[in-house]
Amino acid sequence: MLLGAPLALLARVGTATCIAAKDPLTPLLAVGASGVLNLVLDVVLVSVLGRGIGGAAWATVASEAACAAIVMRAVRAKLRGRPA
């Protein structure tokens, strides 16, 4: 889905920023959490609600949004000089 592209880019930039700040754990946890969210939403939207490929697309957009939010929160904390 086109809506997920800016979120994916934001998540990747935030991940690179965390890694450059010598914090590889935050992106790892963010990607893991968003992967679990994607799996759960895929099952619910595709299998339970019968939304098909559109449901899978919305699950992916939601997981990218979650990943971007987690990583960008950590980046903001690092820019303010606080530990994430």
Protein backbone atom coordinates (compact mmCIF):
# COMPACT_ATOMS: atom_id res chain seq x y z
CA MET A 1 0.00 0.00 0.00
CA LEU A 2 1.23 3.45 -0.84
CA LEU A 3 0.33 4.72 2.63
CA GLY A 4 2.99 2.52 4.19
CA ALA A 5 5.92 3.82 2.13
CA PRO A 6 6.54 7.02 4.14
CA LEU A 7 6.21 5.06 7.37
CA ALA A 8 8.69 2.45 6.17
CA LEU A 9 11.14 5.19 5.19
CA LEU A 10 10.75 6.89 8.56
CA ALA A 11 11.32 3.60 10.36
CA ARG A 12 14.47 2.90 8.32
CA VAL A 13 15.91 6.37 8.92
CA GLY A 14 15.15 6.08 12.63
CA THR A 15 16.78 2.65 12.71
CA ALA A 16 19.91 4.00 11.04
CA THR A 17 19.98 6.90 13.50
CA CYS A 18 19.76 4.56 16.48
CA ILE A 19 22.50 2.35 15.09
CA ALA A 20 24.70 5.40 14.46
CA ALA A 21 24.11 6.40 18.09
CA LYS A 22 25.36 2.93 19.12
CA ASP A 23 21.92 1.64 20.12
CA PRO A 24 21.19 -1.51 18.12
CA LEU A 25 18.77 -2.90 20.71
CA THR A 26 15.95 -0.39 20.17
CA PRO A 27 15.59 -1.07 16.42
CA LEU A 28 15.80 -4.80 17.07
CA LEU A 29 12.97 -4.65 19.59
CA ALA A 30 10.93 -2.32 17.36
CA VAL A 31 11.21 -4.60 14.33
CA GLY A 32 10.42 -7.65 16.46
CA ALA A 33 7.35 -6.02 18.00
CA SER A 34 6.11 -4.79 14.64
CA GLY A 35 6.62 -8.25 13.15
CA VAL A 36 4.49 -9.82 15.88
CA LEU A 37 1.86 -7.10 15.37
CA ASN A 38 1.86 -7.78 11.62
CA LEU A 39 1.40 -11.51 12.20
CA VAL A 40 -1.49 -11.01 14.63
CA LEU A 41 -3.22 -8.47 12.40
CA ASP A 42 -2.73 -10.72 9.35
CA VAL A 43 -4.45 -13.59 11.10
CA VAL A 44 -7.29 -11.41 12.36
CA LEU A 45 -7.88 -9.37 9.20
CA VAL A 46 -7.34 -12.11 6.62
CA SER A 47 -8.52 -15.29 8.32
CA VAL A 48 -11.06 -14.13 10.88
CA LEU A 49 -12.57 -11.10 9.15
CA GLY A 50 -12.03 -12.35 5.58
CA ARG A 51 -10.53 -9.09 4.26
CA GLY A 52 -8.08 -10.86 1.93
CA ILE A 53 -5.13 -9.05 0.41
CA GLY A 54 -6.48 -5.68 1.56
CA GLY A 55 -6.42 -6.89 5.16
CA ALA A 56 -2.84 -8.03 4.76
CA ALA A 57 -1.92 -4.63 3.34
CA TRP A 58 -3.54 -2.79 6.25
CA ALA A 59 -1.75 -5.10 8.70
CA THR A 60 1.56 -4.20 7.08
CA VAL A 61 0.80 -0.47 7.21
CA ALA A 62 -0.13 -0.72 10.89
CA SER A 63 3.05 -2.63 11.73
CA GLU A 64 5.20 -0.10 9.84
CA ALA A 65 3.49 2.71 11.77
CA ALA A 66 4.21 0.94 15.06
CA CYS A 67 7.85 0.38 14.13
CA ALA A 68 8.28 4.00 13.07
CA ALA A 69 6.64 5.27 16.26
CA ILE A 70 8.85 3.15 18.52
CA VAL A 71 12.07 4.03 16.73
CA MET A 72 11.30 7.73 16.37
CA ARG A 73 10.42 7.97 20.06
CA ALA A 74 13.86 6.57 20.87
CA VAL A 75 15.51 8.98 18.41
CA ARG A 76 13.73 11.96 19.98
CA ALA A 77 14.89 10.84 23.42
CA LYS A 78 18.46 10.53 22.17
CA LEU A 79 18.37 13.97 20.59
CA ARG A 80 17.24 15.41 23.91
CA GLY A 81 20.07 13.63 25.67
CA ARG A 82 17.99 11.13 27.63
CA PRO A 83 18.30 7.35 27.51
CA ALA A 84 15.45 5.66 25.61
